[in-house]
Amino acid sequence: MANEINGFGPRNLGPNASVDSSRGRAEAKGDLQRSADSAQAAIKEDDAVTLSKGATQLQGLSEGLTDAAPFDQAKVDRIKTLISQGEYQIDSDKIAERLRAFESL
């Protein structure tokens, strides 16, 4: 059987292993359904979740980040214009310095 691969079938799981082997699968499924129904009934309308102060702050920060643009569109437009006009100058010394500073972090 598929559930006996690598020796982990119902016979090798200990005293509670008889769930599938001693009862029919339909009966086991019925037990699972009753168990799920009782868990659902245990959920009340007055149940509530309370976030900690740190979680509330983190939630506020993440909402603020989703509202903000991920980049400066005006700067992108300015650079595009300079490139299209052939006037954009690349400062290789500045790039090298920033890479060096990043690597030293």
N, C-alpha and C. Protein backbone atom coordinates (compact mmCIF):
# COMPACT_ATOMS: atom_id res chain seq x y z
N MET A 1 0.82 -1.19 0.00
CA MET A 1 0.00 0.00 0.00
C MET A 1 0.87 1.25 0.00
N ALA A 2 0.32 2.36 -0.47
CA ALA A 2 1.07 3.60 -0.55
C ALA A 2 1.43 4.13 0.82
N ASN A 3 0.61 3.88 1.83
CA ASN A 3 0.90 4.43 3.15
C ASN A 3 1.92 3.61 3.92
N GLU A 4 2.42 2.54 3.33
CA GLU A 4 3.43 1.74 3.98
C GLU A 4 4.82 1.98 3.40
N ILE A 5 5.00 2.97 2.57
CA ILE A 5 6.30 3.29 2.00
C ILE A 5 7.26 3.69 3.11
N ASN A 6 8.47 3.21 3.04
CA ASN A 6 9.53 3.51 4.02
C ASN A 6 9.17 3.09 5.43
N GLY A 7 8.30 2.12 5.59
CA GLY A 7 7.99 1.60 6.91
C GLY A 7 7.13 2.50 7.77
N PHE A 8 6.43 3.46 7.21
CA PHE A 8 5.60 4.37 7.99
C PHE A 8 4.11 4.07 7.82
N GLY A 9 3.77 2.83 7.62
CA GLY A 9 2.37 2.46 7.48
C GLY A 9 1.70 2.40 8.85
N PRO A 10 0.41 2.12 8.89
CA PRO A 10 -0.33 2.08 10.15
C PRO A 10 0.23 1.07 11.15
N ARG A 11 0.84 0.00 10.68
CA ARG A 11 1.38 -1.01 11.59
C ARG A 11 2.59 -0.49 12.37
N ASN A 12 3.27 0.54 11.86
CA ASN A 12 4.52 0.99 12.47
C ASN A 12 4.38 2.28 13.27
N LEU A 13 3.18 2.73 13.50
CA LEU A 13 3.00 4.01 14.16
C LEU A 13 2.67 3.90 15.64
N GLY A 14 2.62 2.72 16.20
CA GLY A 14 2.37 2.58 17.63
C GLY A 14 0.93 2.25 17.93
N PRO A 15 0.52 2.48 19.20
CA PRO A 15 -0.81 2.05 19.64
C PRO A 15 -1.96 2.77 18.95
N ASN A 16 -1.76 3.95 18.44
CA ASN A 16 -2.83 4.69 17.77
C ASN A 16 -2.90 4.41 16.28
N ALA A 17 -2.13 3.44 15.82
CA ALA A 17 -2.03 3.16 14.39
C ALA A 17 -3.25 2.46 13.83
N SER A 18 -4.15 2.04 14.66
CA SER A 18 -5.27 1.25 14.19
C SER A 18 -6.40 2.09 13.61
N VAL A 19 -6.22 3.39 13.48
CA VAL A 19 -7.29 4.25 12.99
C VAL A 19 -7.76 3.82 11.62
N ASP A 20 -6.85 3.65 10.67
CA ASP A 20 -7.25 3.26 9.32
C ASP A 20 -7.41 1.76 9.19
N SER A 21 -6.60 0.98 9.88
CA SER A 21 -6.61 -0.46 9.64
C SER A 21 -7.75 -1.17 10.34
N SER A 22 -8.19 -0.74 11.53
CA SER A 22 -9.24 -1.46 12.23
C SER A 22 -10.63 -0.98 11.86
N ARG A 23 -10.76 0.23 11.38
CA ARG A 23 -12.06 0.75 10.96
C ARG A 23 -12.03 1.02 9.47
N GLY A 24 -13.17 1.13 8.89
CA GLY A 24 -13.24 1.43 7.47
C GLY A 24 -12.86 2.88 7.21
N ARG A 25 -12.44 3.17 6.01
CA ARG A 25 -12.06 4.54 5.65
C ARG A 25 -13.24 5.50 5.76
N ALA A 26 -14.42 5.04 5.43
CA ALA A 26 -15.61 5.90 5.51
C ALA A 26 -15.87 6.31 6.94
N GLU A 27 -15.69 5.38 7.89
CA GLU A 27 -15.89 5.70 9.30
C GLU A 27 -14.84 6.70 9.78
N ALA A 28 -13.60 6.54 9.34
CA ALA A 28 -12.54 7.47 9.71
C ALA A 28 -12.83 8.86 9.14
N LYS A 29 -13.33 8.91 7.90
CA LYS A 29 -13.68 10.20 7.30
C LYS A 29 -14.82 10.86 8.06
N GLY A 30 -15.78 10.05 8.52
CA GLY A 30 -16.89 10.57 9.31
C GLY A 30 -16.40 11.18 10.61
N ASP A 31 -15.43 10.51 11.25
CA ASP A 31 -14.84 11.04 12.49
C ASP A 31 -14.16 12.38 12.23
N LEU A 32 -13.45 12.47 11.11
CA LEU A 32 -12.77 13.72 10.77
C LEU A 32 -13.77 14.84 10.53
N GLN A 33 -14.87 14.52 9.84
CA GLN A 33 -15.89 15.53 9.57
C GLN A 33 -16.53 16.01 10.86
N ARG A 34 -16.86 15.08 11.77
CA ARG A 34 -17.46 15.47 13.05
C ARG A 34 -16.48 16.32 13.85
N SER A 35 -15.23 15.98 13.78
CA SER A 35 -14.20 16.74 14.49
C SER A 35 -14.09 18.15 13.93
N ALA A 36 -14.16 18.29 12.60
CA ALA A 36 -14.10 19.61 11.96
C ALA A 36 -15.34 20.42 12.30
N ASP A 37 -16.51 19.76 12.32
CA ASP A 37 -17.75 20.46 12.66
C ASP A 37 -17.72 20.98 14.09
N SER A 38 -17.20 20.17 15.01
CA SER A 38 -17.16 20.62 16.40
C SER A 38 -16.15 21.75 16.57
N ALA A 39 -15.06 21.73 15.82
CA ALA A 39 -14.09 22.83 15.89
C ALA A 39 -14.71 24.10 15.34
N GLN A 40 -15.48 23.99 14.29
CA GLN A 40 -16.15 25.15 13.71
C GLN A 40 -17.18 25.72 14.68
N ALA A 41 -17.88 24.84 15.39
CA ALA A 41 -18.88 25.29 16.35
C ALA A 41 -18.23 25.99 17.53
N ALA A 42 -16.98 25.65 17.83
CA ALA A 42 -16.29 26.27 18.96
C ALA A 42 -15.92 27.72 18.67
N ILE A 43 -15.87 28.10 17.39
CA ILE A 43 -15.54 29.48 17.03
C ILE A 43 -16.76 30.35 17.28
N LYS A 44 -16.63 31.32 18.11
CA LYS A 44 -17.74 32.21 18.47
C LYS A 44 -17.58 33.54 17.78
N GLU A 45 -18.68 34.27 17.67
CA GLU A 45 -18.63 35.59 17.06
C GLU A 45 -17.86 36.58 17.92
N ASP A 46 -17.80 36.34 19.23
CA ASP A 46 -17.12 37.28 20.11
C ASP A 46 -15.63 37.01 20.23
N ASP A 47 -15.13 35.99 19.51
CA ASP A 47 -13.69 35.75 19.51
C ASP A 47 -12.99 36.89 18.81
N ALA A 48 -11.84 37.28 19.34
CA ALA A 48 -11.12 38.41 18.76
C ALA A 48 -9.62 38.14 18.79
N VAL A 49 -8.92 38.79 17.91
CA VAL A 49 -7.47 38.73 17.87
C VAL A 49 -6.94 40.10 18.25
N THR A 50 -5.99 40.14 19.16
CA THR A 50 -5.40 41.40 19.57
C THR A 50 -3.92 41.39 19.18
N LEU A 51 -3.51 42.40 18.44
CA LEU A 51 -2.12 42.51 18.02
C LEU A 51 -1.31 43.24 19.07
N SER A 52 -0.06 42.85 19.20
CA SER A 52 0.82 43.56 20.13
C SER A 52 1.15 44.94 19.56
N LYS A 53 1.72 45.78 20.39
CA LYS A 53 2.07 47.14 19.95
C LYS A 53 3.07 47.08 18.79
N GLY A 54 4.04 46.21 18.89
CA GLY A 54 5.04 46.07 17.82
C GLY A 54 4.42 45.59 16.52
N ALA A 55 3.48 44.63 16.61
CA ALA A 55 2.81 44.13 15.41
C ALA A 55 1.96 45.21 14.77
N THR A 56 1.32 46.03 15.60
CA THR A 56 0.51 47.13 15.07
C THR A 56 1.38 48.15 14.36
N GLN A 57 2.55 48.45 14.94
CA GLN A 57 3.47 49.39 14.29
C GLN A 57 3.98 48.82 12.98
N LEU A 58 4.32 47.55 12.97
CA LEU A 58 4.81 46.91 11.75
C LEU A 58 3.74 46.91 10.67
N GLN A 59 2.50 46.67 11.06
CA GLN A 59 1.40 46.70 10.09
C GLN A 59 1.25 48.09 9.51
N GLY A 60 1.36 49.13 10.33
CA GLY A 60 1.27 50.50 9.85
C GLY A 60 2.41 50.84 8.89
N LEU A 61 3.61 50.37 9.21
CA LEU A 61 4.75 50.62 8.31
C LEU A 61 4.56 49.93 6.97
N SER A 62 4.09 48.69 6.99
CA SER A 62 3.92 47.98 5.73
C SER A 62 2.83 48.63 4.88
N GLU A 63 1.78 49.14 5.50
CA GLU A 63 0.74 49.83 4.74
C GLU A 63 1.28 51.12 4.14
N GLY A 64 2.14 51.82 4.89
CA GLY A 64 2.75 53.05 4.38
C GLY A 64 3.66 52.78 3.20
N LEU A 65 4.36 51.66 3.22
CA LEU A 65 5.26 51.31 2.12
C LEU A 65 4.49 50.94 0.86
N THR A 66 3.34 50.31 1.02
CA THR A 66 2.58 49.93 -0.17
C THR A 66 1.96 51.15 -0.84
N ASP A 67 1.72 52.21 -0.06
CA ASP A 67 1.14 53.42 -0.64
C ASP A 67 2.19 54.27 -1.36
N ALA A 68 3.44 54.20 -0.93
CA ALA A 68 4.51 55.01 -1.51
C ALA A 68 5.01 54.38 -2.81
N ALA A 69 5.44 55.24 -3.73
CA ALA A 69 6.03 54.75 -4.97
C ALA A 69 7.39 54.12 -4.66
N PRO A 70 7.73 53.02 -5.31
CA PRO A 70 8.99 52.35 -5.01
C PRO A 70 10.22 53.09 -5.55
N PHE A 71 10.01 54.12 -6.34
CA PHE A 71 11.13 54.89 -6.89
C PHE A 71 10.67 56.32 -7.17
N ASP A 72 11.64 57.17 -7.44
CA ASP A 72 11.37 58.58 -7.72
C ASP A 72 11.12 58.75 -9.22
N GLN A 73 9.86 58.85 -9.60
CA GLN A 73 9.50 58.92 -11.02
C GLN A 73 10.07 60.15 -11.69
N ALA A 74 10.13 61.27 -11.00
CA ALA A 74 10.68 62.50 -11.58
C ALA A 74 12.15 62.32 -11.94
N LYS A 75 12.89 61.64 -11.07
CA LYS A 75 14.32 61.40 -11.33
C LYS A 75 14.49 60.46 -12.53
N VAL A 76 13.64 59.45 -12.62
CA VAL A 76 13.70 58.51 -13.75
C VAL A 76 13.42 59.25 -15.05
N ASP A 77 12.42 60.10 -15.06
CA ASP A 77 12.08 60.86 -16.26
C ASP A 77 13.22 61.79 -16.67
N ARG A 78 13.84 62.43 -15.67
CA ARG A 78 14.96 63.34 -15.96
C ARG A 78 16.13 62.57 -16.58
N ILE A 79 16.46 61.40 -16.03
CA ILE A 79 17.57 60.61 -16.56
C ILE A 79 17.24 60.09 -17.96
N LYS A 80 15.99 59.67 -18.18
CA LYS A 80 15.58 59.22 -19.52
C LYS A 80 15.78 60.32 -20.56
N THR A 81 15.38 61.54 -20.18
CA THR A 81 15.52 62.67 -21.09
C THR A 81 16.99 62.92 -21.40
N LEU A 82 17.84 62.91 -20.37
CA LEU A 82 19.27 63.13 -20.59
C LEU A 82 19.88 62.05 -21.48
N ILE A 83 19.49 60.79 -21.28
CA ILE A 83 20.01 59.70 -22.10
C ILE A 83 19.56 59.86 -23.55
N SER A 84 18.28 60.18 -23.75
CA SER A 84 17.78 60.31 -25.12
C SER A 84 18.43 61.48 -25.86
N GLN A 85 18.86 62.51 -25.11
CA GLN A 85 19.53 63.66 -25.72
C GLN A 85 21.04 63.44 -25.83
N GLY A 86 21.54 62.32 -25.31
CA GLY A 86 22.97 62.02 -25.36
C GLY A 86 23.78 62.85 -24.38
N GLU A 87 23.17 63.38 -23.35
CA GLU A 87 23.85 64.26 -22.40
C GLU A 87 24.10 63.61 -21.05
N TYR A 88 23.71 62.36 -20.87
CA TYR A 88 23.89 61.72 -19.57
C TYR A 88 25.33 61.28 -19.42
N GLN A 89 25.98 61.75 -18.38
CA GLN A 89 27.38 61.43 -18.12
C GLN A 89 27.47 60.44 -16.96
N ILE A 90 28.22 59.39 -17.17
CA ILE A 90 28.42 58.38 -16.13
C ILE A 90 29.71 58.70 -15.40
N ASP A 91 29.62 58.85 -14.08
CA ASP A 91 30.78 59.14 -13.24
C ASP A 91 31.30 57.82 -12.68
N SER A 92 32.29 57.22 -13.35
CA SER A 92 32.79 55.91 -12.95
C SER A 92 33.47 55.95 -11.59
N ASP A 93 34.09 57.08 -11.24
CA ASP A 93 34.71 57.19 -9.91
C ASP A 93 33.66 57.13 -8.80
N LYS A 94 32.55 57.79 -9.02
CA LYS A 94 31.47 57.80 -8.04
C LYS A 94 30.87 56.39 -7.88
N ILE A 95 30.71 55.70 -9.01
CA ILE A 95 30.17 54.33 -8.97
C ILE A 95 31.13 53.42 -8.22
N ALA A 96 32.42 53.53 -8.52
CA ALA A 96 33.41 52.70 -7.84
C ALA A 96 33.44 52.97 -6.34
N GLU A 97 33.33 54.23 -5.94
CA GLU A 97 33.34 54.59 -4.53
C GLU A 97 32.12 54.01 -3.82
N ARG A 98 30.96 54.10 -4.44
CA ARG A 98 29.74 53.54 -3.82
C ARG A 98 29.81 52.02 -3.72
N LEU A 99 30.37 51.36 -4.74
CA LEU A 99 30.53 49.89 -4.66
C LEU A 99 31.47 49.50 -3.53
N ARG A 100 32.57 50.26 -3.39
CA ARG A 100 33.53 49.99 -2.32
C ARG A 100 32.88 50.18 -0.96
N ALA A 101 32.11 51.25 -0.80
CA ALA A 101 31.44 51.52 0.46
C ALA A 101 30.41 50.43 0.77
N PHE A 102 29.71 49.94 -0.25
CA PHE A 102 28.74 48.88 -0.06
C PHE A 102 29.42 47.59 0.38
N GLU A 103 30.53 47.26 -0.24
CA GLU A 103 31.25 46.02 0.08
C GLU A 103 31.85 46.06 1.47
N SER A 104 32.11 47.23 2.00
CA SER A 104 32.72 47.31 3.33
C SER A 104 31.69 47.24 4.45
N LEU A 105 30.41 47.16 4.12
CA LEU A 105 29.37 47.05 5.15
C LEU A 105 29.46 45.78 5.91
